[in-house]
Each structure stands twice: as structure tokens, then as C-alpha cells.
Protein backbone atom coordinates (compact mmCIF):
# COMPACT_ATOMS: atom_id res chain seq x y z
CA UNK A 1 0.00 0.00 0.00
CA UNK A 2 2.87 2.36 0.81
CA UNK A 3 4.47 1.61 -2.57
CA UNK A 4 1.27 2.45 -4.44
CA UNK A 5 0.83 5.64 -2.42
CA UNK A 6 4.40 6.75 -3.10
CA UNK A 7 4.14 6.02 -6.84
CA UNK A 8 0.86 7.96 -7.02
CA UNK A 9 2.49 10.84 -5.16
CA UNK A 10 5.42 10.87 -7.59
CA UNK A 11 3.14 10.80 -10.63
CA UNK A 12 1.08 13.71 -9.28
CA UNK A 13 4.27 15.62 -8.46
CA UNK A 14 5.55 15.14 -12.01
CA UNK A 15 2.23 16.43 -13.37
CA UNK A 16 2.41 19.47 -11.08
CA UNK A 17 6.02 20.18 -12.06
CA UNK A 18 5.07 19.85 -15.74
CA UNK A 19 2.32 22.44 -15.29
CA UNK A 20 4.59 24.72 -13.29
CA UNK A 21 7.20 24.50 -16.06
CA UNK A 22 4.65 25.30 -18.76
CA UNK A 23 3.26 28.26 -16.83
CA UNK A 24 6.78 29.49 -16.08
CA UNK A 25 7.67 29.27 -19.76
CA UNK A 26 4.50 31.05 -20.89
CA UNK A 27 4.25 33.78 -18.25
CA UNK A 28 7.63 33.91 -16.49
CA UNK A 29 5.81 33.48 -13.16
CA UNK A 30 6.36 30.69 -10.65
CA UNK A 31 2.98 29.33 -9.48
CA UNK A 32 4.05 26.17 -7.67
CA UNK A 33 1.61 26.31 -4.75
CA UNK A 34 -1.38 27.15 -6.93
CA UNK A 35 -0.58 24.26 -9.27
CA UNK A 36 -0.02 21.96 -6.30
CA UNK A 37 -3.51 22.81 -5.09
CA UNK A 38 -5.33 22.72 -8.44
CA UNK A 39 -3.72 20.06 -10.66
CA UNK A 40 -4.56 16.99 -8.51
CA UNK A 41 -8.12 18.27 -8.07
CA UNK A 42 -8.43 18.81 -11.82
CA UNK A 43 -7.25 15.26 -12.52
CA UNK A 44 -9.59 13.74 -9.94
CA UNK A 45 -12.60 15.71 -11.21
CA UNK A 46 -11.91 15.04 -14.89
CA UNK A 47 -11.58 11.30 -14.35
CA UNK A 48 -14.51 10.90 -11.98
CA UNK A 49 -17.17 12.80 -13.98
CA UNK A 50 -18.17 10.57 -16.91
CA UNK A 51 -19.58 13.28 -19.19
CA UNK A 52 -16.85 13.36 -21.82
CA UNK A 53 -14.30 10.81 -23.02
CA UNK A 54 -11.29 11.02 -20.72
CA UNK A 55 -12.65 14.24 -19.21
CA UNK A 56 -11.38 16.41 -22.06
CA UNK A 57 -13.83 19.32 -21.75
CA UNK A 58 -13.89 19.21 -17.98
CA UNK A 59 -10.09 19.33 -17.74
CA UNK A 60 -9.87 22.44 -19.91
CA UNK A 61 -12.71 24.18 -18.05
CA UNK A 62 -11.06 23.54 -14.69
CA UNK A 63 -7.71 24.64 -16.11
CA UNK A 64 -9.39 27.88 -17.22
CA UNK A 65 -10.71 28.27 -13.67
CA UNK A 66 -7.19 27.76 -12.32
CA UNK A 67 -5.80 30.35 -14.72
CA UNK A 68 -8.55 32.80 -13.72
CA UNK A 69 -7.63 32.25 -10.06
CA UNK A 70 -3.95 32.84 -10.83
CA UNK A 71 -4.85 35.92 -12.89
CA UNK A 72 -3.60 34.98 -16.33
CA UNK A 73 -5.12 35.93 -19.68
CA UNK A 74 -7.17 33.83 -22.10
CA UNK A 75 -4.32 33.91 -24.61
CA UNK A 76 -1.97 32.37 -22.08
CA UNK A 77 -4.61 29.73 -21.31
CA UNK A 78 -4.87 28.92 -25.02
CA UNK A 79 -1.10 28.51 -25.33
CA UNK A 80 -1.04 26.30 -22.22
CA UNK A 81 -3.83 24.05 -23.49
CA UNK A 82 -2.28 23.84 -26.98
CA UNK A 83 1.10 22.79 -25.59
CA UNK A 84 -0.47 20.32 -23.14
CA UNK A 85 -2.65 18.72 -25.82
CA UNK A 86 0.31 18.61 -28.22
CA UNK A 87 2.29 16.73 -25.60
CA UNK A 88 -0.57 14.24 -25.25
CA UNK A 89 -0.77 13.86 -29.03
CA UNK A 90 2.99 13.22 -29.26
CA UNK A 91 2.67 10.56 -26.58
CA UNK A 92 -0.14 8.86 -28.51
CA UNK A 93 1.24 8.91 -32.05
CA UNK A 94 4.90 9.45 -31.30
CA UNK A 95 7.27 11.70 -33.15
CA UNK A 96 7.55 9.32 -36.10
CA UNK A 97 5.42 11.45 -38.47
CA UNK A 98 7.56 14.50 -37.71
CA UNK A 99 10.89 12.73 -38.05
CA UNK A 100 9.87 10.84 -41.18
CA UNK A 101 9.04 13.96 -43.20
CA UNK A 102 11.36 14.34 -46.19
CA UNK A 103 13.02 17.64 -46.94
CA UNK A 104 12.83 18.96 -50.47
CA UNK A 105 16.32 19.62 -51.75
């Protein structure tokens, strides 16, 4: 039980640090404590409410709520969601289509 708890803690910490890094890169602000409070709640809510597949709309709405709480703009929210969804897409399909593109020359 302790092993499962520690692995879950590490996974959540990696997700929080990923969000902190994205927000730091987009806004040049460190929002560690806000992300530590919101990100696990966002993940729990998006997985437990069965309205959308994998909680896609719920996750973005709660992320928008987090950004509103932090005081960031809608443009910064859009960049954050685009980068986060791109990372999920790269995990699903891999970087093979990008690396396999031929250059004309």
C-alpha cells in the first residue's frame, strides 16, 4: 500500500512540475503552490465525472478556472492548453510522423 501511495504521489508531483514549467515558460511566473492545489483536483474531477471521453472538456474548463484564479489571460490559457494537448498527441502517435518527413532539396 505504501508503494502504491508513493508512486501515485510521484506521478502527481511530475504532473504538477510539468504544469509549473509550462506556466513558467509562458508567463515567467512561478505558481508552484497554486498548481499543487489545483492540478490533482483537476485530474480527480476530470476522471470521476463521466460526461466526456477522458474528461477532455472538464479538464480544460477547470484549467481555465485555475488560470482565472492565478490571474492569467485567455491567450496564455490557449497557449497552455495547446502545448499540453500537443504533448498528449505526441505521446499517442509518437514523433515518427515529424521525423519521417522528407526535406525537399
